[in-house]
Amino acid sequence: MKWTAVTEHRAKLGEGPFWDEPTQALYWVDIAGKQALRLIGANVQIWQMPEHVSAFIPTQQGDALVTLSSGVYRLDLDSPGLEPRLTLLCMADPQPGNRPNEARCDALGQLWLGTMQNNIGEAGEDLPVERRSGGLFRVGGDGRVMPLLRGLGIPNTLLWSPDGTTVYFGESLDGTLYRHFIYPEGNLAPAEVWFGPHPRGGPDGSAMDARGYIWNARWDGSCLLRLNPEGQVDRVIELPVSRPTSCVFGGEDLKTLYITSAASPLGHPLDGAVLSMRVDIPGVACTRFAG
């Protein structure tokens, strides 16, 4: 497989890739570097955030959401990179000392946001995760917040079954991907183990392809695992980075796979890059925030 670094940018902690079909643009973040990035063609635009940012998601109104430590904000995409114009949408998690981590929109355009104890210092240094103080929240287009789960350690992966009745959700402290049935009123059934610990690293972010298979980035595993709908390993995709963090399908035919990554002590040349490669099956398109 031939991997290409899509830009020269190297993130401290690259995360949250989002492919916007209408504009053929790739959005992602550097959490520790406090940057929200967008790639259109060969042009990269960077907005420097005042706080750690875990997700950067365009909206139906034409601006974008950024999930910052103090809340979920709307970002004016016409604002300068060094002077981003931000408007608070909501504070999803009021727990002091927490920060957002994983965030994705479901097929209805509702934002699902997982939070955790902040593990990043002001200089980008690692801090220990000592408590499971995080939660999972759903934010509607009007900014209303519905708490879904409590007591989370490091939430990663948010994907939905093709029929929308099940959410796949990762807990990196457990090394496990769970699934929850979604009740009609929106609450979640108790967790079921879908894919447990694996020797090739811990579970980070994921993407789903058109066949319902999940491509899971493996932190410290230098690979993606392609998992079939029954939660079994179908394929191991080797990567030239130490810490892949997440992935998304993009391109005009949704057959270009983009992978974010983080810096690591191993110092591989591509660590922190966004990689791309062509694959043989399209992915499920990302959904903009409905608000």
C-alpha atoms as a PDB file:
ATOM      1  CA  MET A   1       0.000   0.000   0.000  1.00  0.00           C
ATOM      2  CA  LYS A   2       1.277   3.449  -0.894  1.00  0.00           C
ATOM      3  CA  TRP A   3       0.854   6.123   1.764  1.00  0.00           C
ATOM      4  CA  THR A   4       1.273   9.846   1.115  1.00  0.00           C
ATOM      5  CA  ALA A   5       1.582  12.687   3.633  1.00  0.00           C
ATOM      6  CA  VAL A   6      -1.003  15.201   2.410  1.00  0.00           C
ATOM      7  CA  THR A   7       0.842  18.245   3.829  1.00  0.00           C
ATOM      8  CA  GLU A   8       4.170  19.136   5.436  1.00  0.00           C
ATOM      9  CA  HIS A   9       2.353  19.890   8.709  1.00  0.00           C
ATOM     10  CA  ARG A  10       3.212  17.637  11.656  1.00  0.00           C
ATOM     11  CA  ALA A  11       0.879  17.679  14.639  1.00  0.00           C
ATOM     12  CA  LYS A  12       1.666  17.049  18.274  1.00  0.00           C
ATOM     13  CA  LEU A  13      -1.653  15.222  18.552  1.00  0.00           C
ATOM     14  CA  GLY A  14      -3.519  15.065  15.241  1.00  0.00           C
ATOM     15  CA  GLU A  15      -7.150  13.945  15.578  1.00  0.00           C
ATOM     16  CA  GLY A  16     -10.736  14.174  14.409  1.00  0.00           C
ATOM     17  CA  PRO A  17     -10.531  13.978  10.592  1.00  0.00           C
ATOM     18  CA  PHE A  18     -13.761  15.031   8.838  1.00  0.00           C
ATOM     19  CA  TRP A  19     -14.355  14.967   5.078  1.00  0.00           C
ATOM     20  CA  ASP A  20     -16.838  17.548   3.825  1.00  0.00           C
ATOM     21  CA  GLU A  21     -18.329  16.281   0.558  1.00  0.00           C
ATOM     22  CA  PRO A  22     -19.937  19.561  -0.638  1.00  0.00           C
ATOM     23  CA  THR A  23     -16.627  21.454  -0.530  1.00  0.00           C
ATOM     24  CA  GLN A  24     -14.241  18.486  -0.987  1.00  0.00           C
ATOM     25  CA  ALA A  25     -12.387  19.665   2.096  1.00  0.00           C
ATOM     26  CA  LEU A  26     -10.580  17.810   4.859  1.00  0.00           C
ATOM     27  CA  TYR A  27     -10.933  19.142   8.409  1.00  0.00           C
ATOM     28  CA  TRP A  28      -8.845  17.977  11.376  1.00  0.00           C
ATOM     29  CA  VAL A  29      -7.215  19.253  14.585  1.00  0.00           C
ATOM     30  CA  ASP A  30      -3.990  19.249  16.523  1.00  0.00           C
ATOM     31  CA  ILE A  31      -5.332  18.932  20.064  1.00  0.00           C
ATOM     32  CA  ALA A  32      -2.075  19.681  21.883  1.00  0.00           C
ATOM     33  CA  GLY A  33      -1.075  22.352  19.368  1.00  0.00           C
ATOM     34  CA  LYS A  34      -4.468  24.096  19.760  1.00  0.00           C
ATOM     35  CA  GLN A  35      -4.979  24.213  15.997  1.00  0.00           C
ATOM     36  CA  ALA A  36      -7.988  23.636  13.724  1.00  0.00           C
ATOM     37  CA  LEU A  37      -6.908  22.842  10.160  1.00  0.00           C
ATOM     38  CA  ARG A  38      -8.663  22.665   6.784  1.00  0.00           C
ATOM     39  CA  LEU A  39      -7.240  21.363   3.512  1.00  0.00           C
ATOM     40  CA  ILE A  40      -8.878  22.304   0.189  1.00  0.00           C
ATOM     41  CA  GLY A  41      -6.861  21.154  -2.797  1.00  0.00           C
ATOM     42  CA  ALA A  42      -3.265  21.998  -1.898  1.00  0.00           C
ATOM     43  CA  ASN A  43      -4.199  24.910   0.378  1.00  0.00           C
ATOM     44  CA  VAL A  44      -3.996  24.437   4.151  1.00  0.00           C
ATOM     45  CA  GLN A  45      -5.641  26.974   6.433  1.00  0.00           C
ATOM     46  CA  ILE A  46      -4.916  26.938  10.173  1.00  0.00           C
ATOM     47  CA  TRP A  47      -6.905  28.632  12.930  1.00  0.00           C
ATOM     48  CA  GLN A  48      -5.012  28.983  16.192  1.00  0.00           C
ATOM     49  CA  MET A  49      -7.400  28.272  19.055  1.00  0.00           C
ATOM     50  CA  PRO A  50      -7.189  29.769  22.566  1.00  0.00           C
ATOM     51  CA  GLU A  51      -7.616  26.312  24.135  1.00  0.00           C
ATOM     52  CA  HIS A  52      -7.103  22.672  23.324  1.00  0.00           C
ATOM     53  CA  VAL A  53      -9.426  21.669  20.463  1.00  0.00           C
ATOM     54  CA  SER A  54     -10.532  18.097  19.794  1.00  0.00           C
ATOM     55  CA  ALA A  55     -12.872  18.372  16.792  1.00  0.00           C
ATOM     56  CA  PHE A  56     -13.540  20.697  13.838  1.00  0.00           C
ATOM     57  CA  ILE A  57     -16.852  20.018  12.079  1.00  0.00           C
ATOM     58  CA  PRO A  58     -18.589  22.155   9.429  1.00  0.00           C
ATOM     59  CA  THR A  59     -22.244  23.042   9.920  1.00  0.00           C
ATOM     60  CA  GLN A  60     -25.288  23.404   7.716  1.00  0.00           C
ATOM     61  CA  GLN A  61     -25.165  27.174   8.305  1.00  0.00           C
ATOM     62  CA  GLY A  62     -21.745  27.467   6.634  1.00  0.00           C
ATOM     63  CA  ASP A  63     -19.562  27.986   9.686  1.00  0.00           C
ATOM     64  CA  ALA A  64     -18.012  25.194  11.793  1.00  0.00           C
ATOM     65  CA  LEU A  65     -18.056  23.776  15.295  1.00  0.00           C
ATOM     66  CA  VAL A  66     -14.888  23.505  17.370  1.00  0.00           C
ATOM     67  CA  THR A  67     -14.909  21.565  20.631  1.00  0.00           C
ATOM     68  CA  LEU A  68     -12.722  23.491  23.078  1.00  0.00           C
ATOM     69  CA  SER A  69     -11.903  22.848  26.727  1.00  0.00           C
ATOM     70  CA  SER A  70     -14.489  25.414  27.896  1.00  0.00           C
ATOM     71  CA  GLY A  71     -17.312  24.386  25.563  1.00  0.00           C
ATOM     72  CA  VAL A  72     -18.565  23.870  22.030  1.00  0.00           C
ATOM     73  CA  TYR A  73     -18.123  26.973  19.898  1.00  0.00           C
ATOM     74  CA  ARG A  74     -19.086  28.130  16.425  1.00  0.00           C
ATOM     75  CA  LEU A  75     -16.118  29.317  14.345  1.00  0.00           C
ATOM     76  CA  ASP A  76     -16.506  31.886  11.591  1.00  0.00           C
ATOM     77  CA  LEU A  77     -14.541  30.317   8.735  1.00  0.00           C
ATOM     78  CA  ASP A  78     -13.950  33.758   7.216  1.00  0.00           C
ATOM     79  CA  SER A  79     -12.105  34.932  10.323  1.00  0.00           C
ATOM     80  CA  PRO A  80      -8.288  35.183  10.326  1.00  0.00           C
ATOM     81  CA  GLY A  81      -6.268  32.214  11.496  1.00  0.00           C
ATOM     82  CA  LEU A  82      -4.635  34.166  14.320  1.00  0.00           C
ATOM     83  CA  GLU A  83      -7.858  35.936  15.333  1.00  0.00           C
ATOM     84  CA  PRO A  84     -10.609  33.314  15.092  1.00  0.00           C
ATOM     85  CA  ARG A  85     -14.116  34.603  15.736  1.00  0.00           C
ATOM     86  CA  LEU A  86     -15.776  32.223  18.193  1.00  0.00           C
ATOM     87  CA  THR A  87     -19.335  32.126  19.543  1.00  0.00           C
ATOM     88  CA  LEU A  88     -20.314  29.772  22.373  1.00  0.00           C
ATOM     89  CA  LEU A  89     -22.964  27.205  21.376  1.00  0.00           C
ATOM     90  CA  CYS A  90     -23.101  25.208  24.609  1.00  0.00           C
ATOM     91  CA  MET A  91     -21.159  23.826  27.541  1.00  0.00           C
ATOM     92  CA  ALA A  92     -21.789  20.114  27.148  1.00  0.00           C
ATOM     93  CA  ASP A  93     -19.792  18.934  30.160  1.00  0.00           C
ATOM     94  CA  PRO A  94     -19.758  21.157  33.271  1.00  0.00           C
ATOM     95  CA  GLN A  95     -17.286  18.906  35.135  1.00  0.00           C
ATOM     96  CA  PRO A  96     -14.208  20.970  36.157  1.00  0.00           C
ATOM     97  CA  GLY A  97     -10.936  19.593  34.862  1.00  0.00           C
ATOM     98  CA  ASN A  98     -12.474  17.773  31.901  1.00  0.00           C
ATOM     99  CA  ARG A  99     -11.897  18.415  28.203  1.00  0.00           C
ATOM    100  CA  PRO A 100     -13.569  17.164  25.009  1.00  0.00           C
ATOM    101  CA  ASN A 101     -12.032  14.258  23.139  1.00  0.00           C
ATOM    102  CA  GLU A 102     -13.982  12.292  20.514  1.00  0.00           C
ATOM    103  CA  ALA A 103     -16.760  14.089  18.606  1.00  0.00           C
ATOM    104  CA  ARG A 104     -18.787  13.070  15.538  1.00  0.00           C
ATOM    105  CA  CYS A 105     -22.201  13.855  14.065  1.00  0.00           C
ATOM    106  CA  ASP A 106     -24.763  11.125  13.505  1.00  0.00           C
ATOM    107  CA  ALA A 107     -26.890  10.848  10.357  1.00  0.00           C
ATOM    108  CA  LEU A 108     -29.319  13.441  11.759  1.00  0.00           C
ATOM    109  CA  GLY A 109     -26.527  15.959  12.236  1.00  0.00           C
ATOM    110  CA  GLN A 110     -26.558  15.735  16.033  1.00  0.00           C
ATOM    111  CA  LEU A 111     -23.154  16.134  17.676  1.00  0.00           C
ATOM    112  CA  TRP A 112     -22.055  13.295  19.951  1.00  0.00           C
ATOM    113  CA  LEU A 113     -19.248  14.431  22.229  1.00  0.00           C
ATOM    114  CA  GLY A 114     -17.111  12.325  24.557  1.00  0.00           C
ATOM    115  CA  THR A 115     -15.183  14.071  27.340  1.00  0.00           C
ATOM    116  CA  MET A 116     -12.371  13.038  29.684  1.00  0.00           C
ATOM    117  CA  GLN A 117     -10.085  14.276  32.436  1.00  0.00           C
ATOM    118  CA  ASN A 118      -7.707  16.741  30.805  1.00  0.00           C
ATOM    119  CA  ASN A 119      -4.409  14.972  30.096  1.00  0.00           C
ATOM    120  CA  ILE A 120      -2.561  17.758  28.263  1.00  0.00           C
ATOM    121  CA  GLY A 121      -0.570  20.527  29.937  1.00  0.00           C
ATOM    122  CA  GLU A 122      -0.352  24.095  28.685  1.00  0.00           C
ATOM    123  CA  ALA A 123       2.951  23.338  26.956  1.00  0.00           C
ATOM    124  CA  GLY A 124       1.479  20.251  25.303  1.00  0.00           C
ATOM    125  CA  GLU A 125       3.008  17.844  27.800  1.00  0.00           C
ATOM    126  CA  ASP A 126       1.269  14.628  28.827  1.00  0.00           C
ATOM    127  CA  LEU A 127      -0.583  14.538  32.144  1.00  0.00           C
ATOM    128  CA  PRO A 128      -1.752  11.291  33.786  1.00  0.00           C
ATOM    129  CA  VAL A 129      -5.387  10.211  33.568  1.00  0.00           C
ATOM    130  CA  GLU A 130      -6.214   9.421  37.181  1.00  0.00           C
ATOM    131  CA  ARG A 131      -9.996   9.276  37.177  1.00  0.00           C
ATOM    132  CA  ARG A 132     -12.916   8.328  34.979  1.00  0.00           C
ATOM    133  CA  SER A 133     -14.626  11.703  35.118  1.00  0.00           C
ATOM    134  CA  GLY A 134     -15.683  11.915  31.466  1.00  0.00           C
ATOM    135  CA  GLY A 135     -19.051  11.526  29.844  1.00  0.00           C
ATOM    136  CA  LEU A 136     -20.856  11.172  26.535  1.00  0.00           C
ATOM    137  CA  PHE A 137     -23.254  13.906  25.471  1.00  0.00           C
ATOM    138  CA  ARG A 138     -25.491  14.553  22.466  1.00  0.00           C
ATOM    139  CA  VAL A 139     -25.946  18.124  21.236  1.00  0.00           C
ATOM    140  CA  GLY A 140     -28.913  18.990  19.032  1.00  0.00           C
ATOM    141  CA  GLY A 141     -28.952  21.577  16.279  1.00  0.00           C
ATOM    142  CA  ASP A 142     -30.445  24.071  18.742  1.00  0.00           C
ATOM    143  CA  GLY A 143     -27.545  23.584  21.179  1.00  0.00           C
ATOM    144  CA  ARG A 144     -29.536  21.579  23.723  1.00  0.00           C
ATOM    145  CA  VAL A 145     -27.446  18.946  25.505  1.00  0.00           C
ATOM    146  CA  MET A 146     -28.556  15.427  26.486  1.00  0.00           C
ATOM    147  CA  PRO A 147     -26.205  13.467  28.803  1.00  0.00           C
ATOM    148  CA  LEU A 148     -25.881   9.829  27.728  1.00  0.00           C
ATOM    149  CA  LEU A 149     -23.040   8.170  29.689  1.00  0.00           C
ATOM    150  CA  ARG A 150     -20.969   8.964  32.779  1.00  0.00           C
ATOM    151  CA  GLY A 151     -17.752   7.630  34.289  1.00  0.00           C
ATOM    152  CA  LEU A 152     -15.699   7.518  31.090  1.00  0.00           C
ATOM    153  CA  GLY A 153     -11.908   7.408  31.004  1.00  0.00           C
ATOM    154  CA  ILE A 154     -10.694   8.081  27.434  1.00  0.00           C
ATOM    155  CA  PRO A 155     -13.617   8.062  24.964  1.00  0.00           C
ATOM    156  CA  ASN A 156     -12.687   7.237  21.366  1.00  0.00           C
ATOM    157  CA  THR A 157     -14.619   6.103  18.265  1.00  0.00           C
ATOM    158  CA  LEU A 158     -18.193   7.196  17.588  1.00  0.00           C
ATOM    159  CA  LEU A 159     -19.925   5.374  14.725  1.00  0.00           C
ATOM    160  CA  TRP A 160     -23.456   4.241  14.011  1.00  0.00           C
ATOM    161  CA  SER A 161     -24.908   1.130  12.433  1.00  0.00           C
ATOM    162  CA  PRO A 162     -26.413   1.636   8.961  1.00  0.00           C
ATOM    163  CA  ASP A 163     -29.948   1.504  10.420  1.00  0.00           C
ATOM    164  CA  GLY A 164     -29.096   4.047  13.128  1.00  0.00           C
ATOM    165  CA  THR A 165     -30.154   1.809  16.022  1.00  0.00           C
ATOM    166  CA  THR A 166     -26.686   1.122  17.428  1.00  0.00           C
ATOM    167  CA  VAL A 167     -23.723   3.312  18.359  1.00  0.00           C
ATOM    168  CA  TYR A 168     -20.184   1.919  18.468  1.00  0.00           C
ATOM    169  CA  PHE A 169     -18.140   3.565  21.172  1.00  0.00           C
ATOM    170  CA  GLY A 170     -14.556   3.077  22.310  1.00  0.00           C
ATOM    171  CA  GLU A 171     -13.080   3.260  25.805  1.00  0.00           C
ATOM    172  CA  SER A 172      -9.326   3.381  25.458  1.00  0.00           C
ATOM    173  CA  LEU A 173      -8.676   2.769  29.168  1.00  0.00           C
ATOM    174  CA  ASP A 174     -10.389  -0.615  28.716  1.00  0.00           C
ATOM    175  CA  GLY A 175      -8.803  -1.264  25.319  1.00  0.00           C
ATOM    176  CA  THR A 176     -12.340  -2.073  24.168  1.00  0.00           C
ATOM    177  CA  LEU A 177     -14.905  -1.058  21.559  1.00  0.00           C
ATOM    178  CA  TYR A 178     -18.456  -1.297  22.900  1.00  0.00           C
ATOM    179  CA  ARG A 179     -21.836  -1.046  21.260  1.00  0.00           C
ATOM    180  CA  HIS A 180     -25.031   0.410  22.693  1.00  0.00           C
ATOM    181  CA  PHE A 181     -28.560  -0.012  21.412  1.00  0.00           C
ATOM    182  CA  ILE A 182     -30.185   3.420  21.019  1.00  0.00           C
ATOM    183  CA  TYR A 183     -33.715   3.490  22.436  1.00  0.00           C
ATOM    184  CA  PRO A 184     -36.347   5.380  20.404  1.00  0.00           C
ATOM    185  CA  GLU A 185     -36.361   8.250  22.938  1.00  0.00           C
ATOM    186  CA  GLY A 186     -32.594   8.617  22.482  1.00  0.00           C
ATOM    187  CA  ASN A 187     -31.192   7.012  25.636  1.00  0.00           C
ATOM    188  CA  LEU A 188     -28.608   4.229  25.423  1.00  0.00           C
ATOM    189  CA  ALA A 189     -28.926   0.620  26.516  1.00  0.00           C
ATOM    190  CA  PRO A 190     -26.132  -0.840  28.686  1.00  0.00           C
ATOM    191  CA  ALA A 191     -22.826  -1.449  26.933  1.00  0.00           C
ATOM    192  CA  GLU A 192     -22.028  -4.706  25.160  1.00  0.00           C
ATOM    193  CA  VAL A 193     -18.416  -5.640  24.420  1.00  0.00           C
ATOM    194  CA  TRP A 194     -18.022  -5.661  20.634  1.00  0.00           C
ATOM    195  CA  PHE A 195     -14.237  -5.879  20.232  1.00  0.00           C
ATOM    196  CA  GLY A 196     -11.944  -6.358  23.207  1.00  0.00           C
ATOM    197  CA  PRO A 197      -8.220  -5.722  23.790  1.00  0.00           C
ATOM    198  CA  HIS A 198      -5.822  -6.594  20.954  1.00  0.00           C
ATOM    199  CA  PRO A 199      -2.007  -6.870  20.974  1.00  0.00           C
ATOM    200  CA  ARG A 200      -1.634  -4.248  18.213  1.00  0.00           C
ATOM    201  CA  GLY A 201      -2.075  -1.113  20.316  1.00  0.00           C
ATOM    202  CA  GLY A 202      -5.118   0.491  21.905  1.00  0.00           C
ATOM    203  CA  PRO A 203      -8.325   1.589  20.171  1.00  0.00           C
ATOM    204  CA  ASP A 204      -8.463   5.196  19.015  1.00  0.00           C
ATOM    205  CA  GLY A 205     -10.731   6.781  16.372  1.00  0.00           C
ATOM    206  CA  SER A 206     -12.481   4.887  13.571  1.00  0.00           C
ATOM    207  CA  ALA A 207     -14.330   5.146  10.276  1.00  0.00           C
ATOM    208  CA  MET A 208     -16.998   2.919   8.714  1.00  0.00           C
ATOM    209  CA  ASP A 209     -17.011   1.692   5.119  1.00  0.00           C
ATOM    210  CA  ALA A 210     -19.995   1.036   2.860  1.00  0.00           C
ATOM    211  CA  ARG A 211     -20.171  -2.617   3.953  1.00  0.00           C
ATOM    212  CA  GLY A 212     -20.477  -1.735   7.620  1.00  0.00           C
ATOM    213  CA  TYR A 213     -16.883  -2.706   8.455  1.00  0.00           C
ATOM    214  CA  ILE A 214     -15.073  -0.492  10.980  1.00  0.00           C
ATOM    215  CA  TRP A 215     -11.507   0.708  10.373  1.00  0.00           C
ATOM    216  CA  ASN A 216      -9.993   1.340  13.809  1.00  0.00           C
ATOM    217  CA  ALA A 217      -6.757   3.304  14.377  1.00  0.00           C
ATOM    218  CA  ARG A 218      -4.478   1.604  16.902  1.00  0.00           C
ATOM    219  CA  TRP A 219      -2.545   3.966  19.192  1.00  0.00           C
ATOM    220  CA  ASP A 220       1.031   2.671  19.613  1.00  0.00           C
ATOM    221  CA  GLY A 221       0.122  -0.128  17.187  1.00  0.00           C
ATOM    222  CA  SER A 222       1.291   1.406  13.870  1.00  0.00           C
ATOM    223  CA  CYS A 223      -1.756   0.014  12.090  1.00  0.00           C
ATOM    224  CA  LEU A 224      -5.470   0.080  11.407  1.00  0.00           C
ATOM    225  CA  LEU A 225      -7.635  -2.939  12.125  1.00  0.00           C
ATOM    226  CA  ARG A 226     -10.522  -3.524   9.738  1.00  0.00           C
ATOM    227  CA  LEU A 227     -13.259  -5.204  11.784  1.00  0.00           C
ATOM    228  CA  ASN A 228     -16.254  -7.002  10.314  1.00  0.00           C
ATOM    229  CA  PRO A 229     -19.788  -6.333  11.627  1.00  0.00           C
ATOM    230  CA  GLU A 230     -19.413  -9.279  14.035  1.00  0.00           C
ATOM    231  CA  GLY A 231     -16.411  -7.633  15.696  1.00  0.00           C
ATOM    232  CA  GLN A 232     -13.708  -9.873  14.208  1.00  0.00           C
ATOM    233  CA  VAL A 233     -10.436  -8.774  12.591  1.00  0.00           C
ATOM    234  CA  ASP A 234     -10.789  -8.907   8.816  1.00  0.00           C
ATOM    235  CA  ARG A 235      -7.543  -7.143   7.892  1.00  0.00           C
ATOM    236  CA  VAL A 236      -4.500  -5.445   9.435  1.00  0.00           C
ATOM    237  CA  ILE A 237      -3.369  -2.336   7.532  1.00  0.00           C
ATOM    238  CA  GLU A 238       0.234  -1.490   8.396  1.00  0.00           C
ATOM    239  CA  LEU A 239       1.107   2.219   8.738  1.00  0.00           C
ATOM    240  CA  PRO A 240       4.378   4.178   8.663  1.00  0.00           C
ATOM    241  CA  VAL A 241       3.481   6.066  11.869  1.00  0.00           C
ATOM    242  CA  SER A 242       3.779   5.016  15.496  1.00  0.00           C
ATOM    243  CA  ARG A 243       0.526   6.475  16.804  1.00  0.00           C
ATOM    244  CA  PRO A 244      -2.347   6.615  14.307  1.00  0.00           C
ATOM    245  CA  THR A 245      -5.245   8.382  15.978  1.00  0.00           C
ATOM    246  CA  SER A 246      -8.247   8.281  13.641  1.00  0.00           C
ATOM    247  CA  CYS A 247      -9.324   7.973  10.022  1.00  0.00           C
ATOM    248  CA  VAL A 248     -11.998   9.065   7.563  1.00  0.00           C
ATOM    249  CA  PHE A 249     -13.018   8.232   4.001  1.00  0.00           C
ATOM    250  CA  GLY A 250     -12.883  11.100   1.517  1.00  0.00           C
ATOM    251  CA  GLY A 251     -12.265  12.114  -2.073  1.00  0.00           C
ATOM    252  CA  GLU A 252     -14.879  12.415  -4.804  1.00  0.00           C
ATOM    253  CA  ASP A 253     -15.658   8.675  -4.616  1.00  0.00           C
ATOM    254  CA  LEU A 254     -15.032   8.275  -0.842  1.00  0.00           C
ATOM    255  CA  LYS A 255     -12.241   5.804  -1.648  1.00  0.00           C
ATOM    256  CA  THR A 256      -9.383   7.897  -0.272  1.00  0.00           C
ATOM    257  CA  LEU A 257      -8.596   7.024   3.324  1.00  0.00           C
ATOM    258  CA  TYR A 258      -7.145   9.827   5.456  1.00  0.00           C
ATOM    259  CA  ILE A 259      -5.374   8.969   8.739  1.00  0.00           C
ATOM    260  CA  THR A 260      -4.349  11.413  11.454  1.00  0.00           C
ATOM    261  CA  SER A 261      -1.438  10.657  13.756  1.00  0.00           C
ATOM    262  CA  ALA A 262       0.478  11.943  16.769  1.00  0.00           C
ATOM    263  CA  ALA A 263       4.090  12.568  17.656  1.00  0.00           C
ATOM    264  CA  SER A 264       5.760   9.751  19.581  1.00  0.00           C
ATOM    265  CA  PRO A 265       8.993   9.011  21.483  1.00  0.00           C
ATOM    266  CA  LEU A 266      10.049   6.826  18.554  1.00  0.00           C
ATOM    267  CA  GLY A 267      10.300   9.915  16.350  1.00  0.00           C
ATOM    268  CA  HIS A 268       9.363   8.305  13.047  1.00  0.00           C
ATOM    269  CA  PRO A 269       9.586  10.874  10.209  1.00  0.00           C
ATOM    270  CA  LEU A 270       5.850  10.744   9.462  1.00  0.00           C
ATOM    271  CA  ASP A 271       4.637  10.799  13.074  1.00  0.00           C
ATOM    272  CA  GLY A 272       2.094  13.632  13.366  1.00  0.00           C
ATOM    273  CA  ALA A 273       1.329  13.681   9.628  1.00  0.00           C
ATOM    274  CA  VAL A 274      -2.017  13.223   7.925  1.00  0.00           C
ATOM    275  CA  LEU A 275      -1.618  10.251   5.587  1.00  0.00           C
ATOM    276  CA  SER A 276      -3.749   9.301   2.601  1.00  0.00           C
ATOM    277  CA  MET A 277      -4.098   6.227   0.457  1.00  0.00           C
ATOM    278  CA  ARG A 278      -6.505   4.799  -2.080  1.00  0.00           C
ATOM    279  CA  VAL A 279      -8.616   1.853  -0.959  1.00  0.00           C
ATOM    280  CA  ASP A 280     -10.893  -0.584  -2.781  1.00  0.00           C
ATOM    281  CA  ILE A 281     -14.178   0.234  -1.042  1.00  0.00           C
ATOM    282  CA  PRO A 282     -15.907   3.558  -0.377  1.00  0.00           C
ATOM    283  CA  GLY A 283     -16.670   4.808   3.084  1.00  0.00           C
ATOM    284  CA  VAL A 284     -19.725   6.279   4.758  1.00  0.00           C
ATOM    285  CA  ALA A 285     -19.932  10.042   4.215  1.00  0.00           C
ATOM    286  CA  CYS A 286     -19.554  12.426   7.142  1.00  0.00           C
ATOM    287  CA  THR A 287     -22.564  14.491   8.226  1.00  0.00           C
ATOM    288  CA  ARG A 288     -22.379  18.207   8.957  1.00  0.00           C
ATOM    289  CA  PHE A 289     -23.775  19.544  12.224  1.00  0.00           C
ATOM    290  CA  ALA A 290     -27.474  20.267  11.734  1.00  0.00           C
ATOM    291  CA  GLY A 291     -27.462  23.678  13.439  1.00  0.00           C
END
